[in-house]
């Protein structure tokens, strides 16, 4: 039987992996991947708590909304990354030190 603790352990693992990816940022795509993993951990928590609530499905509805919002955010972030690459020829956040034109 899968308990709420099992969901929390998996969610904490996903969150820690995402946080490690963000902290060790090699390029912007990896940072975006880390953010998505952290968001998926939060969504897993919402669904898990909603499953064990049994009164309402608010957590599942909010999780669905968060998934749609994450997809839209990822599309915008990839467009920004492509424009930054076109301008600076790199996606390494450490090498991009100015954001305005000279």
PDB file of N, CA and C in Angstrom:
ATOM      1  N   UNK A   1       0.839  -1.187   0.000  1.00  0.00           N
ATOM      2  CA  UNK A   1       0.000   0.000   0.000  1.00  0.00           C
ATOM      3  C   UNK A   1       0.880   1.245   0.000  1.00  0.00           C
ATOM      4  N   UNK A   2       0.565   2.132  -0.898  1.00  0.00           N
ATOM      5  CA  UNK A   2       1.310   3.386  -0.989  1.00  0.00           C
ATOM      6  C   UNK A   2       0.679   4.398  -0.031  1.00  0.00           C
ATOM      7  N   UNK A   3       1.502   4.937   0.843  1.00  0.00           N
ATOM      8  CA  UNK A   3       1.009   5.907   1.807  1.00  0.00           C
ATOM      9  C   UNK A   3       1.423   7.317   1.386  1.00  0.00           C
ATOM     10  N   UNK A   4       0.937   8.272   2.137  1.00  0.00           N
ATOM     11  CA  UNK A   4       1.272   9.670   1.865  1.00  0.00           C
ATOM     12  C   UNK A   4       2.774   9.909   2.042  1.00  0.00           C
ATOM     13  N   UNK A   5       3.390   9.164   2.933  1.00  0.00           N
ATOM     14  CA  UNK A   5       4.827   9.311   3.165  1.00  0.00           C
ATOM     15  C   UNK A   5       5.633   8.963   1.914  1.00  0.00           C
ATOM     16  N   UNK A   6       5.205   7.945   1.193  1.00  0.00           N
ATOM     17  CA  UNK A   6       5.907   7.573  -0.034  1.00  0.00           C
ATOM     18  C   UNK A   6       5.871   8.720  -1.051  1.00  0.00           C
ATOM     19  N   UNK A   7       4.714   9.340  -1.188  1.00  0.00           N
ATOM     20  CA  UNK A   7       4.602  10.474  -2.107  1.00  0.00           C
ATOM     21  C   UNK A   7       5.497  11.635  -1.669  1.00  0.00           C
ATOM     22  N   UNK A   8       5.554  11.877  -0.361  1.00  0.00           N
ATOM     23  CA  UNK A   8       6.364  12.977   0.149  1.00  0.00           C
ATOM     24  C   UNK A   8       7.862  12.720  -0.070  1.00  0.00           C
ATOM     25  N   UNK A   9       8.292  11.466   0.082  1.00  0.00           N
ATOM     26  CA  UNK A   9       9.703  11.138  -0.132  1.00  0.00           C
ATOM     27  C   UNK A   9      10.071  11.337  -1.599  1.00  0.00           C
ATOM     28  N   UNK A  10       9.229  10.866  -2.508  1.00  0.00           N
ATOM     29  CA  UNK A  10       9.498  11.057  -3.941  1.00  0.00           C
ATOM     30  C   UNK A  10       9.493  12.543  -4.287  1.00  0.00           C
ATOM     31  N   UNK A  11       8.554  13.273  -3.732  1.00  0.00           N
ATOM     32  CA  UNK A  11       8.471  14.705  -4.001  1.00  0.00           C
ATOM     33  C   UNK A  11       9.694  15.444  -3.461  1.00  0.00           C
ATOM     34  N   UNK A  12      10.133  15.083  -2.265  1.00  0.00           N
ATOM     35  CA  UNK A  12      11.332  15.721  -1.699  1.00  0.00           C
ATOM     36  C   UNK A  12      12.560  15.398  -2.543  1.00  0.00           C
ATOM     37  N   UNK A  13      12.629  14.174  -3.045  1.00  0.00           N
ATOM     38  CA  UNK A  13      13.747  13.808  -3.916  1.00  0.00           C
ATOM     39  C   UNK A  13      13.754  14.622  -5.199  1.00  0.00           C
ATOM     40  N   UNK A  14      12.594  14.753  -5.825  1.00  0.00           N
ATOM     41  CA  UNK A  14      12.489  15.563  -7.047  1.00  0.00           C
ATOM     42  C   UNK A  14      12.874  17.016  -6.778  1.00  0.00           C
ATOM     43  N   UNK A  15      12.397  17.541  -5.661  1.00  0.00           N
ATOM     44  CA  UNK A  15      12.687  18.934  -5.327  1.00  0.00           C
ATOM     45  C   UNK A  15      14.178  19.135  -5.101  1.00  0.00           C
ATOM     46  N   UNK A  16      14.818  18.220  -4.386  1.00  0.00           N
ATOM     47  CA  UNK A  16      16.256  18.343  -4.113  1.00  0.00           C
ATOM     48  C   UNK A  16      17.080  18.215  -5.390  1.00  0.00           C
ATOM     49  N   UNK A  17      16.689  17.316  -6.286  1.00  0.00           N
ATOM     50  CA  UNK A  17      17.395  17.187  -7.558  1.00  0.00           C
ATOM     51  C   UNK A  17      17.254  18.480  -8.368  1.00  0.00           C
ATOM     52  N   UNK A  18      16.049  19.034  -8.415  1.00  0.00           N
ATOM     53  CA  UNK A  18      15.834  20.292  -9.127  1.00  0.00           C
ATOM     54  C   UNK A  18      16.626  21.437  -8.528  1.00  0.00           C
ATOM     55  N   UNK A  19      16.688  21.498  -7.209  1.00  0.00           N
ATOM     56  CA  UNK A  19      17.455  22.547  -6.541  1.00  0.00           C
ATOM     57  C   UNK A  19      18.940  22.403  -6.829  1.00  0.00           C
ATOM     58  N   UNK A  20      19.443  21.171  -6.836  1.00  0.00           N
ATOM     59  CA  UNK A  20      20.851  20.941  -7.157  1.00  0.00           C
ATOM     60  C   UNK A  20      21.165  21.373  -8.586  1.00  0.00           C
ATOM     61  N   UNK A  21      20.256  21.085  -9.511  1.00  0.00           N
ATOM     62  CA  UNK A  21      20.478  21.482 -10.905  1.00  0.00           C
ATOM     63  C   UNK A  21      20.521  23.003 -11.030  1.00  0.00           C
ATOM     64  N   UNK A  22      19.651  23.695 -10.317  1.00  0.00           N
ATOM     65  CA  UNK A  22      19.635  25.157 -10.384  1.00  0.00           C
ATOM     66  C   UNK A  22      20.913  25.744  -9.786  1.00  0.00           C
ATOM     67  N   UNK A  23      21.359  25.189  -8.662  1.00  0.00           N
ATOM     68  CA  UNK A  23      22.549  25.725  -7.999  1.00  0.00           C
ATOM     69  C   UNK A  23      23.807  25.482  -8.824  1.00  0.00           C
ATOM     70  N   UNK A  24      23.875  24.347  -9.488  1.00  0.00           N
ATOM     71  CA  UNK A  24      25.074  24.030 -10.270  1.00  0.00           C
ATOM     72  C   UNK A  24      24.949  24.473 -11.722  1.00  0.00           C
ATOM     73  N   UNK A  25      24.137  25.457 -11.993  1.00  0.00           N
ATOM     74  CA  UNK A  25      23.787  25.949 -13.321  1.00  0.00           C
ATOM     75  C   UNK A  25      24.938  25.945 -14.320  1.00  0.00           C
ATOM     76  N   UNK A  26      24.835  25.071 -15.288  1.00  0.00           N
ATOM     77  CA  UNK A  26      25.811  25.039 -16.374  1.00  0.00           C
ATOM     78  C   UNK A  26      25.332  25.908 -17.540  1.00  0.00           C
ATOM     79  N   UNK A  27      24.051  25.834 -17.845  1.00  0.00           N
ATOM     80  CA  UNK A  27      23.481  26.712 -18.870  1.00  0.00           C
ATOM     81  C   UNK A  27      22.006  26.934 -18.569  1.00  0.00           C
ATOM     82  N   UNK A  28      21.393  27.796 -19.341  1.00  0.00           N
ATOM     83  CA  UNK A  28      20.020  28.202 -19.060  1.00  0.00           C
ATOM     84  C   UNK A  28      19.019  27.061 -19.237  1.00  0.00           C
ATOM     85  N   UNK A  29      19.298  26.128 -20.134  1.00  0.00           N
ATOM     86  CA  UNK A  29      18.393  25.000 -20.333  1.00  0.00           C
ATOM     87  C   UNK A  29      18.370  24.121 -19.088  1.00  0.00           C
ATOM     88  N   UNK A  30      19.531  23.920 -18.477  1.00  0.00           N
ATOM     89  CA  UNK A  30      19.587  23.115 -17.260  1.00  0.00           C
ATOM     90  C   UNK A  30      18.878  23.815 -16.102  1.00  0.00           C
ATOM     91  N   UNK A  31      18.994  25.124 -16.018  1.00  0.00           N
ATOM     92  CA  UNK A  31      18.272  25.869 -14.989  1.00  0.00           C
ATOM     93  C   UNK A  31      16.770  25.708 -15.190  1.00  0.00           C
ATOM     94  N   UNK A  32      16.320  25.788 -16.423  1.00  0.00           N
ATOM     95  CA  UNK A  32      14.905  25.607 -16.731  1.00  0.00           C
ATOM     96  C   UNK A  32      14.445  24.198 -16.376  1.00  0.00           C
ATOM     97  N   UNK A  33      15.274  23.206 -16.636  1.00  0.00           N
ATOM     98  CA  UNK A  33      14.957  21.831 -16.271  1.00  0.00           C
ATOM     99  C   UNK A  33      14.827  21.684 -14.756  1.00  0.00           C
ATOM    100  N   UNK A  34      15.723  22.314 -14.013  1.00  0.00           N
ATOM    101  CA  UNK A  34      15.646  22.270 -12.557  1.00  0.00           C
ATOM    102  C   UNK A  34      14.378  22.912 -12.018  1.00  0.00           C
ATOM    103  N   UNK A  35      13.981  24.029 -12.611  1.00  0.00           N
ATOM    104  CA  UNK A  35      12.746  24.691 -12.201  1.00  0.00           C
ATOM    105  C   UNK A  35      11.545  23.788 -12.469  1.00  0.00           C
ATOM    106  N   UNK A  36      11.547  23.121 -13.605  1.00  0.00           N
ATOM    107  CA  UNK A  36      10.440  22.216 -13.937  1.00  0.00           C
ATOM    108  C   UNK A  36      10.373  21.030 -12.965  1.00  0.00           C
ATOM    109  N   UNK A  37      11.524  20.500 -12.579  1.00  0.00           N
ATOM    110  CA  UNK A  37      11.517  19.405 -11.606  1.00  0.00           C
ATOM    111  C   UNK A  37      10.966  19.861 -10.259  1.00  0.00           C
ATOM    112  N   UNK A  38      11.337  21.054  -9.836  1.00  0.00           N
ATOM    113  CA  UNK A  38      10.815  21.580  -8.575  1.00  0.00           C
ATOM    114  C   UNK A  38       9.304  21.816  -8.659  1.00  0.00           C
ATOM    115  N   UNK A  39       8.845  22.297  -9.791  1.00  0.00           N
ATOM    116  CA  UNK A  39       7.414  22.499  -9.983  1.00  0.00           C
ATOM    117  C   UNK A  39       6.666  21.166  -9.994  1.00  0.00           C
ATOM    118  N   UNK A  40       7.254  20.146 -10.616  1.00  0.00           N
ATOM    119  CA  UNK A  40       6.625  18.828 -10.611  1.00  0.00           C
ATOM    120  C   UNK A  40       6.553  18.241  -9.210  1.00  0.00           C
ATOM    121  N   UNK A  41       7.540  18.524  -8.375  1.00  0.00           N
ATOM    122  CA  UNK A  41       7.493  18.070  -6.987  1.00  0.00           C
ATOM    123  C   UNK A  41       6.326  18.722  -6.250  1.00  0.00           C
ATOM    124  N   UNK A  42       6.125  20.007  -6.487  1.00  0.00           N
ATOM    125  CA  UNK A  42       5.001  20.699  -5.851  1.00  0.00           C
ATOM    126  C   UNK A  42       3.662  20.159  -6.355  1.00  0.00           C
ATOM    127  N   UNK A  43       3.576  19.868  -7.642  1.00  0.00           N
ATOM    128  CA  UNK A  43       2.339  19.323  -8.209  1.00  0.00           C
ATOM    129  C   UNK A  43       2.061  17.936  -7.631  1.00  0.00           C
ATOM    130  N   UNK A  44       3.104  17.133  -7.462  1.00  0.00           N
ATOM    131  CA  UNK A  44       2.938  15.814  -6.852  1.00  0.00           C
ATOM    132  C   UNK A  44       2.399  15.938  -5.434  1.00  0.00           C
ATOM    133  N   UNK A  45       2.877  16.922  -4.686  1.00  0.00           N
ATOM    134  CA  UNK A  45       2.350  17.155  -3.339  1.00  0.00           C
ATOM    135  C   UNK A  45       0.863  17.503  -3.374  1.00  0.00           C
ATOM    136  N   UNK A  46       0.481  18.363  -4.304  1.00  0.00           N
ATOM    137  CA  UNK A  46      -0.936  18.752  -4.397  1.00  0.00           C
ATOM    138  C   UNK A  46      -1.829  17.553  -4.682  1.00  0.00           C
ATOM    139  N   UNK A  47      -1.411  16.722  -5.621  1.00  0.00           N
ATOM    140  CA  UNK A  47      -2.215  15.553  -5.982  1.00  0.00           C
ATOM    141  C   UNK A  47      -2.239  14.541  -4.840  1.00  0.00           C
ATOM    142  N   UNK A  48      -1.118  14.364  -4.163  1.00  0.00           N
ATOM    143  CA  UNK A  48      -1.068  13.400  -3.064  1.00  0.00           C
ATOM    144  C   UNK A  48      -1.965  13.833  -1.919  1.00  0.00           C
ATOM    145  N   UNK A  49      -1.898  15.094  -1.533  1.00  0.00           N
ATOM    146  CA  UNK A  49      -2.760  15.555  -0.449  1.00  0.00           C
ATOM    147  C   UNK A  49      -4.220  15.533  -0.853  1.00  0.00           C
ATOM    148  N   UNK A  50      -4.512  15.803  -2.104  1.00  0.00           N
ATOM    149  CA  UNK A  50      -5.889  15.751  -2.581  1.00  0.00           C
ATOM    150  C   UNK A  50      -6.416  14.317  -2.575  1.00  0.00           C
ATOM    151  N   UNK A  51      -5.540  13.371  -2.863  1.00  0.00           N
ATOM    152  CA  UNK A  51      -5.967  11.957  -2.871  1.00  0.00           C
ATOM    153  C   UNK A  51      -6.370  11.503  -1.470  1.00  0.00           C
ATOM    154  N   UNK A  52      -5.637  11.940  -0.476  1.00  0.00           N
ATOM    155  CA  UNK A  52      -5.920  11.500   0.884  1.00  0.00           C
ATOM    156  C   UNK A  52      -6.905  12.404   1.606  1.00  0.00           C
ATOM    157  N   UNK A  53      -7.375  13.460   0.977  1.00  0.00           N
ATOM    158  CA  UNK A  53      -8.367  14.347   1.584  1.00  0.00           C
ATOM    159  C   UNK A  53      -9.769  13.755   1.488  1.00  0.00           C
ATOM    160  N   UNK A  54     -10.118  13.231   0.331  1.00  0.00           N
ATOM    161  CA  UNK A  54     -11.381  12.563   0.041  1.00  0.00           C
ATOM    162  C   UNK A  54     -12.626  13.445   0.168  1.00  0.00           C
ATOM    163  N   UNK A  55     -12.484  14.693   0.525  1.00  0.00           N
ATOM    164  CA  UNK A  55     -13.640  15.577   0.628  1.00  0.00           C
ATOM    165  C   UNK A  55     -13.854  16.346  -0.668  1.00  0.00           C
ATOM    166  N   UNK A  56     -12.776  16.887  -1.195  1.00  0.00           N
ATOM    167  CA  UNK A  56     -12.885  17.636  -2.448  1.00  0.00           C
ATOM    168  C   UNK A  56     -11.676  17.341  -3.328  1.00  0.00           C
ATOM    169  N   UNK A  57     -11.748  17.756  -4.566  1.00  0.00           N
ATOM    170  CA  UNK A  57     -10.675  17.543  -5.527  1.00  0.00           C
ATOM    171  C   UNK A  57      -9.972  18.851  -5.870  1.00  0.00           C
ATOM    172  N   UNK A  58      -9.910  19.755  -4.918  1.00  0.00           N
ATOM    173  CA  UNK A  58      -9.298  21.055  -5.166  1.00  0.00           C
ATOM    174  C   UNK A  58      -7.827  20.959  -5.509  1.00  0.00           C
ATOM    175  N   UNK A  59      -7.112  20.057  -4.862  1.00  0.00           N
ATOM    176  CA  UNK A  59      -5.690  19.886  -5.143  1.00  0.00           C
ATOM    177  C   UNK A  59      -5.438  19.387  -6.550  1.00  0.00           C
ATOM    178  N   UNK A  60      -6.292  18.493  -7.022  1.00  0.00           N
ATOM    179  CA  UNK A  60      -6.125  17.967  -8.372  1.00  0.00           C
ATOM    180  C   UNK A  60      -6.453  19.030  -9.416  1.00  0.00           C
ATOM    181  N   UNK A  61      -7.469  19.834  -9.158  1.00  0.00           N
ATOM    182  CA  UNK A  61      -7.799  20.916 -10.091  1.00  0.00           C
ATOM    183  C   UNK A  61      -6.691  21.965 -10.128  1.00  0.00           C
ATOM    184  N   UNK A  62      -6.147  22.289  -8.964  1.00  0.00           N
ATOM    185  CA  UNK A  62      -5.057  23.257  -8.913  1.00  0.00           C
ATOM    186  C   UNK A  62      -3.811  22.691  -9.582  1.00  0.00           C
ATOM    187  N   UNK A  63      -3.567  21.392  -9.448  1.00  0.00           N
ATOM    188  CA  UNK A  63      -2.427  20.752 -10.100  1.00  0.00           C
ATOM    189  C   UNK A  63      -2.579  20.814 -11.618  1.00  0.00           C
ATOM    190  N   UNK A  64      -3.785  20.584 -12.118  1.00  0.00           N
ATOM    191  CA  UNK A  64      -4.018  20.680 -13.554  1.00  0.00           C
ATOM    192  C   UNK A  64      -3.753  22.098 -14.052  1.00  0.00           C
ATOM    193  N   UNK A  65      -4.213  23.083 -13.305  1.00  0.00           N
ATOM    194  CA  UNK A  65      -3.949  24.481 -13.655  1.00  0.00           C
ATOM    195  C   UNK A  65      -2.448  24.766 -13.627  1.00  0.00           C
ATOM    196  N   UNK A  66      -1.733  24.230 -12.647  1.00  0.00           N
ATOM    197  CA  UNK A  66      -0.287  24.451 -12.548  1.00  0.00           C
ATOM    198  C   UNK A  66       0.454  23.803 -13.706  1.00  0.00           C
ATOM    199  N   UNK A  67      -0.006  22.645 -14.175  1.00  0.00           N
ATOM    200  CA  UNK A  67       0.631  21.983 -15.315  1.00  0.00           C
ATOM    201  C   UNK A  67       0.464  22.820 -16.583  1.00  0.00           C
ATOM    202  N   UNK A  68      -0.725  23.344 -16.804  1.00  0.00           N
ATOM    203  CA  UNK A  68      -0.970  24.196 -17.974  1.00  0.00           C
ATOM    204  C   UNK A  68      -0.131  25.468 -17.891  1.00  0.00           C
ATOM    205  N   UNK A  69      -0.070  26.057 -16.716  1.00  0.00           N
ATOM    206  CA  UNK A  69       0.727  27.262 -16.528  1.00  0.00           C
ATOM    207  C   UNK A  69       2.214  26.982 -16.723  1.00  0.00           C
ATOM    208  N   UNK A  70       2.685  25.826 -16.293  1.00  0.00           N
ATOM    209  CA  UNK A  70       4.098  25.459 -16.470  1.00  0.00           C
ATOM    210  C   UNK A  70       4.438  25.271 -17.941  1.00  0.00           C
ATOM    211  N   UNK A  71       3.515  24.712 -18.703  1.00  0.00           N
ATOM    212  CA  UNK A  71       3.762  24.533 -20.137  1.00  0.00           C
ATOM    213  C   UNK A  71       3.876  25.886 -20.837  1.00  0.00           C
ATOM    214  N   UNK A  72       3.010  26.812 -20.481  1.00  0.00           N
ATOM    215  CA  UNK A  72       3.075  28.146 -21.082  1.00  0.00           C
ATOM    216  C   UNK A  72       4.351  28.873 -20.667  1.00  0.00           C
ATOM    217  N   UNK A  73       4.729  28.741 -19.416  1.00  0.00           N
ATOM    218  CA  UNK A  73       5.949  29.375 -18.920  1.00  0.00           C
ATOM    219  C   UNK A  73       7.182  28.811 -19.610  1.00  0.00           C
ATOM    220  N   UNK A  74       7.194  27.504 -19.834  1.00  0.00           N
ATOM    221  CA  UNK A  74       8.324  26.880 -20.509  1.00  0.00           C
ATOM    222  C   UNK A  74       8.448  27.375 -21.945  1.00  0.00           C
ATOM    223  N   UNK A  75       7.342  27.546 -22.618  1.00  0.00           N
ATOM    224  CA  UNK A  75       7.383  28.058 -23.993  1.00  0.00           C
ATOM    225  C   UNK A  75       7.954  29.473 -24.032  1.00  0.00           C
ATOM    226  N   UNK A  76       7.552  30.312 -23.104  1.00  0.00           N
ATOM    227  CA  UNK A  76       8.075  31.679 -23.051  1.00  0.00           C
ATOM    228  C   UNK A  76       9.561  31.669 -22.693  1.00  0.00           C
ATOM    229  N   UNK A  77       9.947  30.826 -21.739  1.00  0.00           N
ATOM    230  CA  UNK A  77      11.352  30.768 -21.329  1.00  0.00           C
ATOM    231  C   UNK A  77      12.242  30.276 -22.462  1.00  0.00           C
ATOM    232  N   UNK A  78      11.787  29.290 -23.220  1.00  0.00           N
ATOM    233  CA  UNK A  78      12.580  28.817 -24.359  1.00  0.00           C
ATOM    234  C   UNK A  78      12.717  29.897 -25.423  1.00  0.00           C
ATOM    235  N   UNK A  79      11.676  30.679 -25.635  1.00  0.00           N
ATOM    236  CA  UNK A  79      11.774  31.787 -26.594  1.00  0.00           C
ATOM    237  C   UNK A  79      12.788  32.826 -26.125  1.00  0.00           C
ATOM    238  N   UNK A  80      12.799  33.116 -24.836  1.00  0.00           N
ATOM    239  CA  UNK A  80      13.773  34.061 -24.293  1.00  0.00           C
ATOM    240  C   UNK A  80      15.181  33.507 -24.427  1.00  0.00           C
ATOM    241  N   UNK A  81      15.357  32.226 -24.135  1.00  0.00           N
ATOM    242  CA  UNK A  81      16.682  31.608 -24.245  1.00  0.00           C
ATOM    243  C   UNK A  81      17.179  31.650 -25.691  1.00  0.00           C
ATOM    244  N   UNK A  82      16.294  31.391 -26.648  1.00  0.00           N
ATOM    245  CA  UNK A  82      16.698  31.456 -28.053  1.00  0.00           C
ATOM    246  C   UNK A  82      17.115  32.866 -28.458  1.00  0.00           C
ATOM    247  N   UNK A  83      16.405  33.879 -27.977  1.00  0.00           N
ATOM    248  CA  UNK A  83      16.777  35.259 -28.287  1.00  0.00           C
ATOM    249  C   UNK A  83      18.094  35.650 -27.624  1.00  0.00           C
ATOM    250  N   UNK A  84      18.323  35.186 -26.407  1.00  0.00           N
ATOM    251  CA  UNK A  84      19.594  35.462 -25.736  1.00  0.00           C
ATOM    252  C   UNK A  84      20.731  34.781 -26.476  1.00  0.00           C
ATOM    253  N   UNK A  85      20.519  33.558 -26.927  1.00  0.00           N
ATOM    254  CA  UNK A  85      21.561  32.860 -27.678  1.00  0.00           C
ATOM    255  C   UNK A  85      21.867  33.575 -28.993  1.00  0.00           C
ATOM    256  N   UNK A  86      20.835  34.074 -29.641  1.00  0.00           N
ATOM    257  CA  UNK A  86      21.035  34.787 -30.903  1.00  0.00           C
ATOM    258  C   UNK A  86      21.868  36.056 -30.690  1.00  0.00           C
ATOM    259  N   UNK A  87      21.672  36.704 -29.557  1.00  0.00           N
ATOM    260  CA  UNK A  87      22.377  37.959 -29.277  1.00  0.00           C
ATOM    261  C   UNK A  87      23.795  37.727 -28.756  1.00  0.00           C
ATOM    262  N   UNK A  88      23.962  36.791 -27.784  1.00  0.00           N
ATOM    263  CA  UNK A  88      25.248  36.623 -27.102  1.00  0.00           C
ATOM    264  C   UNK A  88      26.018  35.384 -27.527  1.00  0.00           C
ATOM    265  N   UNK A  89      25.439  34.512 -28.323  1.00  0.00           N
ATOM    266  CA  UNK A  89      26.063  33.266 -28.790  1.00  0.00           C
ATOM    267  C   UNK A  89      26.440  32.327 -27.647  1.00  0.00           C
ATOM    268  N   UNK A  90      25.742  32.408 -26.535  1.00  0.00           N
ATOM    269  CA  UNK A  90      25.927  31.503 -25.410  1.00  0.00           C
ATOM    270  C   UNK A  90      24.639  31.443 -24.598  1.00  0.00           C
ATOM    271  N   UNK A  91      24.455  30.323 -23.892  1.00  0.00           N
ATOM    272  CA  UNK A  91      23.309  30.234 -22.983  1.00  0.00           C
ATOM    273  C   UNK A  91      23.784  30.026 -21.548  1.00  0.00           C
ATOM    274  N   UNK A  92      25.063  30.259 -21.308  1.00  0.00           N
ATOM    275  CA  UNK A  92      25.619  30.178 -19.968  1.00  0.00           C
ATOM    276  C   UNK A  92      25.288  31.465 -19.216  1.00  0.00           C
ATOM    277  N   UNK A  93      24.522  31.406 -18.137  1.00  0.00           N
ATOM    278  CA  UNK A  93      24.133  32.636 -17.429  1.00  0.00           C
ATOM    279  C   UNK A  93      25.314  33.403 -16.839  1.00  0.00           C
ATOM    280  N   UNK A  94      26.426  32.720 -16.544  1.00  0.00           N
ATOM    281  CA  UNK A  94      27.580  33.412 -15.972  1.00  0.00           C
ATOM    282  C   UNK A  94      28.293  34.294 -16.992  1.00  0.00           C
ATOM    283  N   UNK A  95      28.192  33.974 -18.268  1.00  0.00           N
ATOM    284  CA  UNK A  95      28.883  34.734 -19.302  1.00  0.00           C
ATOM    285  C   UNK A  95      28.075  35.928 -19.805  1.00  0.00           C
ATOM    286  N   UNK A  96      26.819  35.986 -19.490  1.00  0.00           N
ATOM    287  CA  UNK A  96      25.967  37.097 -19.925  1.00  0.00           C
ATOM    288  C   UNK A  96      25.928  38.102 -18.785  1.00  0.00           C
ATOM    289  N   UNK A  97      26.652  39.207 -18.944  1.00  0.00           N
ATOM    290  CA  UNK A  97      26.766  40.155 -17.845  1.00  0.00           C
ATOM    291  C   UNK A  97      26.091  41.495 -18.115  1.00  0.00           C
ATOM    292  N   UNK A  98      25.496  41.656 -19.271  1.00  0.00           N
ATOM    293  CA  UNK A  98      24.775  42.889 -19.551  1.00  0.00           C
ATOM    294  C   UNK A  98      23.511  42.564 -20.322  1.00  0.00           C
ATOM    295  N   UNK A  99      22.466  43.313 -20.057  1.00  0.00           N
ATOM    296  CA  UNK A  99      21.197  43.054 -20.694  1.00  0.00           C
ATOM    297  C   UNK A  99      20.741  44.182 -21.608  1.00  0.00           C
ATOM    298  N   UNK A 100      21.399  45.345 -21.541  1.00  0.00           N
ATOM    299  CA  UNK A 100      20.991  46.439 -22.423  1.00  0.00           C
ATOM    300  C   UNK A 100      22.031  46.650 -23.510  1.00  0.00           C
ATOM    301  N   UNK A 101      21.581  47.232 -24.605  1.00  0.00           N
ATOM    302  CA  UNK A 101      22.481  47.518 -25.731  1.00  0.00           C
ATOM    303  C   UNK A 101      23.454  48.619 -25.362  1.00  0.00           C
ATOM    304  N   UNK A 102      24.577  48.600 -26.032  1.00  0.00           N
ATOM    305  CA  UNK A 102      25.575  49.642 -25.765  1.00  0.00           C
ATOM    306  C   UNK A 102      25.485  50.751 -26.781  1.00  0.00           C
TER     307      UNK A 102
END
